């Protein structure tokens, strides 16, 4: 007997607001199976010019990912 085959689905993006991150998660939650993994992390991006400016504060964004795994037979249903 062979081991079951699993299908992994992952959705990821970056957004400006925390509320947008949760909206992204909730819109895709049903598509990733019953045991989702959700990560939301703040990120800041600087250019070399901005780093040399002591008063500069880079805007905060959020990386968001929702992923999950289901058996192949469930993915086809």
Protein backbone atom coordinates (compact mmCIF):
# COMPACT_ATOMS: atom_id res chain seq x y z
CA UNK A 1 0.00 0.00 0.00
CA UNK A 2 1.38 3.41 -0.92
CA UNK A 3 1.42 6.44 1.34
CA UNK A 4 -1.32 9.03 0.84
CA UNK A 5 -0.52 11.91 -1.48
CA UNK A 6 -1.01 15.39 -0.10
CA UNK A 7 -1.57 18.66 -1.96
CA UNK A 8 -0.22 21.89 -0.47
CA UNK A 9 -1.72 25.27 -1.34
CA UNK A 10 -0.03 28.53 -0.37
CA UNK A 11 -1.17 32.12 -0.91
CA UNK A 12 1.18 35.01 -0.08
CA UNK A 13 1.33 38.77 -0.60
CA UNK A 14 2.30 42.00 1.15
CA UNK A 15 -0.18 44.70 2.12
CA UNK A 16 -0.12 48.16 3.70
CA UNK A 17 -2.49 47.59 6.63
CA UNK A 18 -2.92 44.84 9.21
CA UNK A 19 -6.66 44.75 8.50
CA UNK A 20 -5.85 44.06 4.83
CA UNK A 21 -3.66 41.14 5.89
CA UNK A 22 -6.53 39.57 7.84
CA UNK A 23 -8.94 40.19 4.95
CA UNK A 24 -6.50 38.37 2.64
CA UNK A 25 -6.36 35.43 5.06
CA UNK A 26 -10.12 35.21 5.55
CA UNK A 27 -10.80 35.34 1.79
CA UNK A 28 -8.59 32.26 1.24
CA UNK A 29 -9.07 30.27 4.43
CA UNK A 30 -11.53 27.76 2.95
CA UNK A 31 -9.20 27.04 0.02
CA UNK A 32 -6.33 25.66 2.11
CA UNK A 33 -7.99 22.91 4.11
CA UNK A 34 -9.03 22.40 7.74
CA UNK A 35 -5.60 23.00 9.35
CA UNK A 36 -4.26 26.27 7.95
CA UNK A 37 -0.93 27.84 8.77
CA UNK A 38 -1.15 31.63 8.91
CA UNK A 39 1.74 34.06 9.21
CA UNK A 40 1.61 37.85 9.27
CA UNK A 41 4.91 39.70 9.69
CA UNK A 42 5.73 43.41 9.63
CA UNK A 43 8.37 44.43 7.10
CA UNK A 44 10.26 47.63 6.33
CA UNK A 45 12.17 48.28 3.11
CA UNK A 46 14.96 50.82 2.88
CA UNK A 47 17.04 52.01 -0.04
CA UNK A 48 20.71 52.89 0.43
CA UNK A 49 19.84 56.61 0.20
CA UNK A 50 17.23 56.32 2.93
CA UNK A 51 19.53 54.45 5.33
CA UNK A 52 21.97 57.39 5.29
CA UNK A 53 19.18 59.80 6.31
CA UNK A 54 19.00 59.56 10.14
CA UNK A 55 15.46 60.97 10.36
CA UNK A 56 13.91 58.71 7.75
CA UNK A 57 11.34 56.11 8.83
CA UNK A 58 10.45 53.55 6.20
CA UNK A 59 6.76 52.74 5.86
CA UNK A 60 5.68 49.50 7.49
CA UNK A 61 3.98 46.83 5.39
CA UNK A 62 2.85 43.34 6.27
CA UNK A 63 3.84 40.08 4.63
CA UNK A 64 0.96 37.66 4.86
CA UNK A 65 0.79 33.96 4.05
CA UNK A 66 -1.94 31.38 4.44
CA UNK A 67 -1.26 27.79 3.51
CA UNK A 68 -2.57 24.31 4.12
CA UNK A 69 -2.47 20.70 3.06
CA UNK A 70 -5.19 18.21 2.13
CA UNK A 71 -5.16 14.66 0.82
CA UNK A 72 -5.19 14.51 -2.96
CA UNK A 73 -8.63 12.88 -3.00
CA UNK A 74 -10.05 15.83 -1.01
CA UNK A 75 -8.42 18.38 -3.34
CA UNK A 76 -10.24 16.90 -6.33
CA UNK A 77 -13.62 17.01 -4.63
